Amino acid sequence: MKSHPDIVVLFSGGLDSILAAKVLEGQGLSVRCLHCTSPFFGAPEAVDSWKALYGLDVVVRDVGEDFAAMLRARPAHGFGKALNPCVDCKILLLRKARLYMEEQGAKALATGEVLGQRPMSQRRDALHVITREAGVGDVLLRPLCALHLPPTGVEQSGLVDRSRLLGMWGRGRSAQLELAREYGLADTPTPGGGCRLTERENARRYWQVLTRLSRPHAGDFALANMGRQFWHCANAAHYWLCVGRNSADNERLARAAGPEDALLRLRDMPGPLALARGGALWPEEVLRSAAGMAASYAPKAVAAGTVHVHMRRGEEVEDAEVLPARRSDIWGEPAWEEVRSQIRAEARERAARAGRK
């Protein structure tokens, strides 16, 4: 790894970011790819594969807590069709990338954005807003669509040759695939944003975390990615239960448990592990109800009738006898349509407040 790269590429691992890096390497530049991760996007486990397949220098940075803070404050440019804050996301990532660029002594930033490819964040006006609000206008280059945009300071400085940049446009991928063949990239990523916030099922989960916890952090959103998710609301309190679907879920939930959580596991037979977020402080009857709900996903427990469940709260372990019961009247989640209406209602309220100021 060169100690001081010439240019840092914001790198998702998708074909566009790979090609952006290759175009710049083709001009003799030393390129370092910055892969940002969070509970919503990123694949740090793929870095070694990317290095081997594409010959790229890739580093990883976790931006989860910054992203969680942005969601708590609500994105200034709003959400897309689900819970995706695409414009604010790109602003956040470019700000982080600029800091990394300066730390590394690099001269510029680049992205794999293509004008007109994504309806929310890659329109011409959106690209301009992102550049301005991220504060990267003097260092940012979009090599795949540069010929459709005004010359940048990076080009005018002589760091890159504008005539060797590209003029891709729109949602098609034929130009990208042709370029990938020219570079000999046999294993090209399939199209897709790779962001969980664009998917309704995930957005439905995240919205509960965002609106029912007082100050959700990255670990809470990561927990929402695990297993079956249930909520119970009583007396203005919200209780969150996560039930493993398989052994991999069980292991992830066990690792995710904090000192104020409770872990629930059947004593005498196989079954799911359940994590009660903040369960160490739950009322006894709520925790027992959660134990019965978790036990209902173990067929042997249902057949047995009453079962014993280990309820671990911090360092304390209690053995409770419960009836496996799938109480959808107590434990559940709202449908996507209900969540979507809540998101829209909140957006209207925020717009009305802003208008009154």
Protein backbone atom coordinates (compact mmCIF):
# COMPACT_ATOMS: atom_id res chain seq x y z
CA MET A 1 0.00 0.00 0.00
CA LYS A 2 1.44 3.35 -1.06
CA SER A 3 1.63 5.69 1.92
CA HIS A 4 0.21 8.68 0.03
CA PRO A 5 -2.30 7.85 -2.73
CA ASP A 6 -2.98 10.44 -5.41
CA ILE A 7 -6.74 10.01 -5.26
CA VAL A 8 -9.30 8.32 -2.98
CA VAL A 9 -12.29 6.61 -4.59
CA LEU A 10 -15.48 6.21 -2.58
CA PHE A 11 -15.96 2.50 -3.17
CA SER A 12 -19.16 0.49 -2.76
CA GLY A 13 -17.87 -2.66 -4.42
CA GLY A 14 -20.34 -2.24 -7.28
CA LEU A 15 -19.31 -2.16 -10.91
CA ASP A 16 -19.40 1.64 -11.22
CA SER A 17 -16.97 2.19 -8.35
CA ILE A 18 -14.66 -0.52 -9.70
CA LEU A 19 -14.64 1.14 -13.12
CA ALA A 20 -14.06 4.60 -11.64
CA ALA A 21 -10.96 3.27 -9.89
CA LYS A 22 -9.74 1.55 -13.07
CA VAL A 23 -10.25 4.66 -15.23
CA LEU A 24 -8.10 6.66 -12.83
CA GLU A 25 -5.46 3.97 -12.56
CA GLY A 26 -5.36 4.06 -16.36
CA GLN A 27 -4.11 7.64 -16.11
CA GLY A 28 -1.17 6.53 -13.99
CA LEU A 29 -2.66 7.66 -10.68
CA SER A 30 -2.19 5.86 -7.38
CA VAL A 31 -5.73 5.02 -6.28
CA ARG A 32 -6.98 3.98 -2.86
CA CYS A 33 -10.56 2.76 -2.51
CA LEU A 34 -12.45 3.71 0.64
CA HIS A 35 -15.24 1.27 1.53
CA CYS A 36 -17.63 2.64 4.18
CA THR A 37 -19.72 0.28 6.27
CA SER A 38 -22.74 0.59 8.58
CA PRO A 39 -25.64 -1.62 9.67
CA PHE A 40 -27.33 -0.62 6.39
CA PHE A 41 -24.64 -1.18 3.78
CA GLY A 42 -21.11 -2.42 3.30
CA ALA A 43 -19.39 -5.76 2.90
CA PRO A 44 -16.06 -5.73 4.76
CA GLU A 45 -15.87 -9.50 4.37
CA ALA A 46 -15.52 -8.99 0.59
CA VAL A 47 -12.44 -6.76 0.72
CA ASP A 48 -9.90 -9.55 0.24
CA SER A 49 -11.90 -10.82 -2.73
CA TRP A 50 -12.03 -7.34 -4.31
CA LYS A 51 -8.29 -6.96 -3.89
CA ALA A 52 -7.66 -10.32 -5.54
CA LEU A 53 -10.22 -9.99 -8.35
CA TYR A 54 -9.64 -6.39 -9.33
CA GLY A 55 -6.14 -5.63 -8.07
CA LEU A 56 -7.37 -2.68 -6.06
CA ASP A 57 -6.11 -1.12 -2.84
CA VAL A 58 -9.17 -1.13 -0.55
CA VAL A 59 -9.53 0.10 3.04
CA VAL A 60 -12.61 -0.02 5.28
CA ARG A 61 -14.08 2.61 7.58
CA ASP A 62 -17.15 2.18 9.81
CA VAL A 63 -19.57 5.14 9.59
CA GLY A 64 -22.42 3.46 11.47
CA GLU A 65 -22.62 5.86 14.41
CA ASP A 66 -22.54 8.92 12.16
CA PHE A 67 -25.27 7.40 10.03
CA ALA A 68 -27.40 6.61 13.09
CA ALA A 69 -27.02 10.22 14.24
CA MET A 70 -28.17 11.45 10.82
CA LEU A 71 -31.26 9.23 10.99
CA ARG A 72 -32.07 10.41 14.52
CA ALA A 73 -31.94 14.03 13.37
CA ARG A 74 -33.82 13.06 10.17
CA PRO A 75 -32.17 13.60 6.78
CA ALA A 76 -32.42 17.17 5.56
CA HIS A 77 -33.27 15.99 2.04
CA GLY A 78 -35.83 13.42 3.10
CA PHE A 79 -36.33 9.72 2.48
CA GLY A 80 -36.89 7.88 -0.79
CA LYS A 81 -39.54 5.23 -1.40
CA ALA A 82 -38.62 3.35 1.76
CA LEU A 83 -36.32 4.76 4.45
CA ASN A 84 -33.40 5.59 2.18
CA PRO A 85 -31.84 9.05 2.71
CA CYS A 86 -29.80 8.83 -0.49
CA VAL A 87 -28.79 12.48 -0.84
CA ASP A 88 -27.87 12.89 2.84
CA CYS A 89 -26.07 9.54 2.74
CA LYS A 90 -23.82 10.62 -0.11
CA ILE A 91 -23.13 13.95 1.62
CA LEU A 92 -22.13 12.12 4.81
CA LEU A 93 -19.89 9.64 2.95
CA LEU A 94 -18.15 12.36 0.96
CA ARG A 95 -17.47 14.37 4.12
CA LYS A 96 -15.92 11.29 5.68
CA ALA A 97 -13.98 10.57 2.50
CA ARG A 98 -12.58 14.10 2.44
CA LEU A 99 -11.31 13.72 5.99
CA TYR A 100 -9.66 10.44 5.03
CA MET A 101 -8.20 12.02 1.87
CA GLU A 102 -6.63 14.80 3.92
CA GLU A 103 -5.29 12.36 6.53
CA GLN A 104 -3.62 10.35 3.76
CA GLY A 105 -2.20 13.34 1.91
CA ALA A 106 -4.17 12.53 -1.26
CA LYS A 107 -5.01 15.24 -3.79
CA ALA A 108 -8.59 14.42 -4.81
CA LEU A 109 -11.71 12.31 -4.33
CA ALA A 110 -13.69 10.35 -6.89
CA THR A 111 -16.97 8.43 -7.01
CA GLY A 112 -18.56 6.01 -9.45
CA GLU A 113 -21.70 8.13 -9.81
CA VAL A 114 -23.34 8.21 -13.24
CA LEU A 115 -25.56 11.15 -14.15
CA GLY A 116 -29.20 10.07 -14.40
CA GLN A 117 -28.65 6.56 -13.03
CA ARG A 118 -30.44 6.91 -9.69
CA PRO A 119 -33.59 9.03 -9.51
CA MET A 120 -33.01 10.48 -6.05
CA SER A 121 -29.28 11.15 -5.78
CA GLN A 122 -27.87 11.19 -9.31
CA ARG A 123 -29.95 13.83 -11.00
CA ARG A 124 -27.94 16.84 -12.14
CA ASP A 125 -29.40 19.09 -9.43
CA ALA A 126 -28.85 16.44 -6.75
CA LEU A 127 -25.21 15.97 -7.76
CA HIS A 128 -24.73 19.73 -7.41
CA VAL A 129 -26.37 19.80 -3.96
CA ILE A 130 -24.30 16.84 -2.77
CA THR A 131 -21.06 18.44 -3.95
CA ARG A 132 -21.89 21.78 -2.31
CA GLU A 133 -23.15 20.49 1.03
CA ALA A 134 -20.38 17.92 1.41
CA GLY A 135 -17.84 20.69 0.84
CA VAL A 136 -15.91 18.77 -1.80
CA GLY A 137 -16.33 20.95 -4.90
CA ASP A 138 -12.61 21.67 -5.10
CA VAL A 139 -11.51 18.03 -4.86
CA LEU A 140 -14.31 15.83 -6.27
CA LEU A 141 -14.26 14.06 -9.64
CA ARG A 142 -16.93 11.83 -11.19
CA PRO A 143 -14.85 10.11 -13.89
CA LEU A 144 -17.62 7.96 -15.42
CA CYS A 145 -19.88 10.91 -16.32
CA ALA A 146 -17.38 13.79 -16.24
CA LEU A 147 -17.96 14.76 -19.87
CA HIS A 148 -21.61 15.57 -19.06
CA LEU A 149 -20.54 17.89 -16.21
CA PRO A 150 -18.55 21.13 -16.11
CA PRO A 151 -14.77 20.75 -15.73
CA THR A 152 -13.76 20.43 -12.11
CA GLY A 153 -10.84 21.81 -10.17
CA VAL A 154 -9.30 18.35 -10.23
CA GLU A 155 -9.23 18.42 -14.03
CA GLN A 156 -8.12 22.03 -14.23
CA SER A 157 -5.21 21.31 -11.88
CA GLY A 158 -3.80 18.84 -14.38
CA LEU A 159 -4.08 15.86 -12.03
CA VAL A 160 -6.27 14.07 -14.59
CA ASP A 161 -6.72 14.39 -18.34
CA ARG A 162 -10.36 15.31 -19.03
CA SER A 163 -10.17 13.95 -22.57
CA ARG A 164 -9.62 10.46 -21.12
CA LEU A 165 -12.63 10.65 -18.78
CA LEU A 166 -16.05 9.28 -19.77
CA GLY A 167 -19.54 10.45 -20.66
CA MET A 168 -21.81 7.73 -19.29
CA TRP A 169 -25.41 8.66 -18.68
CA GLY A 170 -28.70 7.06 -17.64
CA ARG A 171 -29.81 3.80 -16.07
CA GLY A 172 -28.52 1.35 -18.69
CA ARG A 173 -25.41 -0.74 -18.02
CA SER A 174 -24.24 -1.59 -21.53
CA ALA A 175 -21.46 1.02 -21.47
CA GLN A 176 -20.26 -0.20 -18.08
CA LEU A 177 -20.27 -3.84 -19.16
CA GLU A 178 -18.37 -3.03 -22.34
CA LEU A 179 -15.75 -1.13 -20.34
CA ALA A 180 -15.51 -4.02 -17.87
CA ARG A 181 -14.72 -6.36 -20.78
CA GLU A 182 -12.03 -3.97 -21.98
CA TYR A 183 -10.43 -4.11 -18.54
CA GLY A 184 -10.72 -7.89 -18.49
CA LEU A 185 -13.06 -7.93 -15.51
CA ALA A 186 -14.61 -11.37 -15.91
CA ASP A 187 -16.44 -11.40 -12.56
CA THR A 188 -18.56 -8.24 -12.54
CA PRO A 189 -21.02 -7.45 -9.73
CA THR A 190 -24.73 -7.67 -10.50
CA PRO A 191 -26.68 -4.38 -10.41
CA GLY A 192 -28.29 -3.27 -7.17
CA GLY A 193 -27.84 -0.60 -4.58
CA GLY A 194 -26.83 -2.90 -1.75
CA CYS A 195 -28.52 -0.64 0.82
CA ARG A 196 -30.95 -2.26 3.23
CA LEU A 197 -32.74 1.05 3.77
CA THR A 198 -34.22 0.80 0.27
CA GLU A 199 -36.02 -2.46 1.11
CA ARG A 200 -39.47 -2.27 2.70
CA GLU A 201 -39.03 -5.18 5.09
CA ASN A 202 -35.83 -3.72 6.51
CA ALA A 203 -37.22 -0.19 6.57
CA ARG A 204 -40.20 -1.44 8.56
CA ARG A 205 -37.83 -2.81 11.19
CA TYR A 206 -35.59 0.24 11.29
CA TRP A 207 -38.52 2.62 11.71
CA GLN A 208 -39.50 0.88 14.96
CA VAL A 209 -35.96 1.29 16.26
CA LEU A 210 -35.83 4.90 15.15
CA THR A 211 -39.14 5.94 16.70
CA ARG A 212 -39.49 3.69 19.75
CA LEU A 213 -36.01 3.94 21.27
CA SER A 214 -34.99 7.20 22.89
CA ARG A 215 -31.56 7.37 21.27
CA PRO A 216 -30.88 4.46 18.92
CA HIS A 217 -27.27 3.82 17.98
CA ALA A 218 -25.62 1.75 15.27
CA GLY A 219 -25.75 -1.42 17.36
CA ASP A 220 -29.53 -1.13 17.65
CA PHE A 221 -29.94 -0.92 13.90
CA ALA A 222 -27.57 -3.87 13.49
CA LEU A 223 -29.73 -5.84 15.91
CA ALA A 224 -32.76 -5.08 13.74
CA ASN A 225 -31.07 -7.11 10.99
CA MET A 226 -31.13 -10.27 13.10
CA GLY A 227 -33.79 -12.95 13.39
CA ARG A 228 -37.50 -12.38 13.95
CA GLN A 229 -38.45 -8.99 15.34
CA PHE A 230 -41.30 -8.27 17.76
CA TRP A 231 -42.47 -5.25 19.76
CA HIS A 232 -44.85 -4.91 22.66
CA CYS A 233 -46.16 -1.53 23.80
CA ALA A 234 -47.77 -1.00 27.20
CA ASN A 235 -48.21 2.07 29.40
CA ALA A 236 -46.11 4.21 27.02
CA ALA A 237 -43.21 1.73 27.28
CA HIS A 238 -41.80 -0.15 24.30
CA TYR A 239 -40.37 -3.67 24.64
CA TRP A 240 -38.23 -5.13 21.86
CA LEU A 241 -37.73 -8.87 21.37
CA CYS A 242 -35.47 -10.55 18.78
CA VAL A 243 -35.84 -14.31 18.22
CA GLY A 244 -33.24 -16.32 16.31
CA ARG A 245 -34.31 -18.22 13.19
CA ASN A 246 -31.32 -20.59 13.13
CA SER A 247 -28.00 -21.31 14.83
CA ALA A 248 -26.26 -18.46 12.99
CA ASP A 249 -28.87 -16.01 14.27
CA ASN A 250 -28.50 -17.42 17.76
CA GLU A 251 -24.75 -16.82 17.71
CA ARG A 252 -25.17 -13.27 16.40
CA LEU A 253 -27.76 -12.44 19.04
CA ALA A 254 -25.54 -13.79 21.80
CA ARG A 255 -22.69 -11.55 20.59
CA ALA A 256 -25.02 -8.54 20.34
CA ALA A 257 -26.23 -8.75 23.95
CA GLY A 258 -25.28 -5.89 26.24
CA PRO A 259 -25.26 -5.70 30.05
CA GLU A 260 -28.82 -4.34 30.18
CA ASP A 261 -30.25 -6.98 27.83
CA ALA A 262 -31.78 -10.34 28.69
CA LEU A 263 -31.05 -13.59 26.85
CA LEU A 264 -33.74 -16.27 26.82
CA ARG A 265 -32.97 -19.91 26.00
CA LEU A 266 -34.83 -23.19 26.49
CA ARG A 267 -33.26 -25.25 29.26
CA ASP A 268 -33.89 -28.84 28.23
CA MET A 269 -34.34 -28.86 24.47
CA PRO A 270 -33.09 -27.16 21.31
CA GLY A 271 -34.71 -23.94 20.23
CA PRO A 272 -34.11 -20.32 19.37
CA LEU A 273 -32.12 -17.88 21.44
CA ALA A 274 -34.01 -14.67 22.08
CA LEU A 275 -32.63 -11.27 23.03
CA ALA A 276 -34.77 -8.80 24.94
CA ARG A 277 -33.24 -5.34 24.37
CA GLY A 278 -33.05 -3.68 27.79
CA GLY A 279 -34.72 -6.80 29.21
CA ALA A 280 -32.74 -6.69 32.45
CA LEU A 281 -35.09 -3.88 33.48
CA TRP A 282 -38.35 -5.29 32.11
CA PRO A 283 -41.28 -6.13 34.40
CA GLU A 284 -41.29 -9.83 35.25
CA GLU A 285 -44.57 -10.51 33.47
CA VAL A 286 -43.35 -8.94 30.23
CA LEU A 287 -40.14 -10.95 30.28
CA ARG A 288 -42.06 -14.18 30.91
CA SER A 289 -44.39 -13.34 28.04
CA ALA A 290 -41.33 -12.83 25.83
CA ALA A 291 -39.94 -16.20 26.94
CA GLY A 292 -43.21 -17.89 26.02
CA MET A 293 -43.20 -16.15 22.63
CA ALA A 294 -39.65 -17.30 21.91
CA ALA A 295 -40.40 -20.87 23.04
CA SER A 296 -43.34 -21.04 20.62
CA TYR A 297 -40.81 -21.22 17.76
CA ALA A 298 -39.44 -24.54 19.07
CA PRO A 299 -41.73 -27.40 17.92
CA LYS A 300 -40.65 -29.68 20.78
CA ALA A 301 -41.47 -26.96 23.29
CA VAL A 302 -44.96 -26.51 21.83
CA ALA A 303 -45.53 -30.26 22.00
CA ALA A 304 -44.32 -30.40 25.59
CA GLY A 305 -46.73 -27.77 26.90
CA THR A 306 -44.94 -25.97 29.71
CA VAL A 307 -41.16 -25.65 29.42
CA HIS A 308 -38.27 -24.20 31.39
CA VAL A 309 -36.44 -21.16 30.03
CA HIS A 310 -33.14 -19.75 31.25
CA MET A 311 -33.57 -15.97 31.52
CA ARG A 312 -30.16 -14.35 31.82
CA ARG A 313 -30.15 -10.69 32.88
CA GLY A 314 -26.62 -9.37 33.16
CA GLU A 315 -24.88 -11.78 35.54
CA GLU A 316 -28.15 -13.07 37.00
CA VAL A 317 -29.77 -16.24 35.66
CA GLU A 318 -33.33 -17.23 36.49
CA ASP A 319 -35.05 -20.46 35.52
CA ALA A 320 -38.66 -19.77 34.58
CA GLU A 321 -41.47 -22.18 33.72
CA VAL A 322 -43.53 -20.79 30.83
CA LEU A 323 -46.19 -21.83 28.36
CA PRO A 324 -45.04 -21.57 24.71
CA ALA A 325 -47.54 -19.13 23.22
CA ARG A 326 -47.40 -17.14 20.00
CA ARG A 327 -49.27 -14.07 21.21
CA SER A 328 -49.68 -11.88 18.14
CA ASP A 329 -52.06 -9.72 20.16
CA ILE A 330 -49.13 -8.79 22.42
CA TRP A 331 -46.00 -9.22 20.31
CA GLY A 332 -45.95 -7.99 16.73
CA GLU A 333 -44.87 -5.44 14.15
CA PRO A 334 -46.90 -2.99 12.07
CA ALA A 335 -47.35 -3.68 8.36
CA TRP A 336 -45.31 -1.71 5.83
CA GLU A 337 -48.34 0.34 4.77
CA GLU A 338 -48.79 1.57 8.34
CA VAL A 339 -45.10 2.39 8.66
CA ARG A 340 -45.08 4.20 5.33
CA SER A 341 -48.02 6.34 6.41
CA GLN A 342 -46.17 7.21 9.64
CA ILE A 343 -43.06 8.24 7.70
CA ARG A 344 -45.13 10.45 5.40
CA ALA A 345 -47.10 11.97 8.27
CA GLU A 346 -43.90 12.87 10.09
CA ALA A 347 -42.45 14.40 6.92
CA ARG A 348 -45.58 16.55 6.47
CA GLU A 349 -45.42 17.68 10.09
CA ARG A 350 -41.76 18.62 9.79
CA ALA A 351 -42.45 20.54 6.58
CA ALA A 352 -45.33 22.39 8.24
CA ARG A 353 -43.15 23.34 11.22
CA ALA A 354 -40.44 24.56 8.89
CA GLY A 355 -42.99 26.64 7.01
CA ARG A 356 -44.17 28.31 10.21
CA LYS A 357 -40.67 29.47 11.12
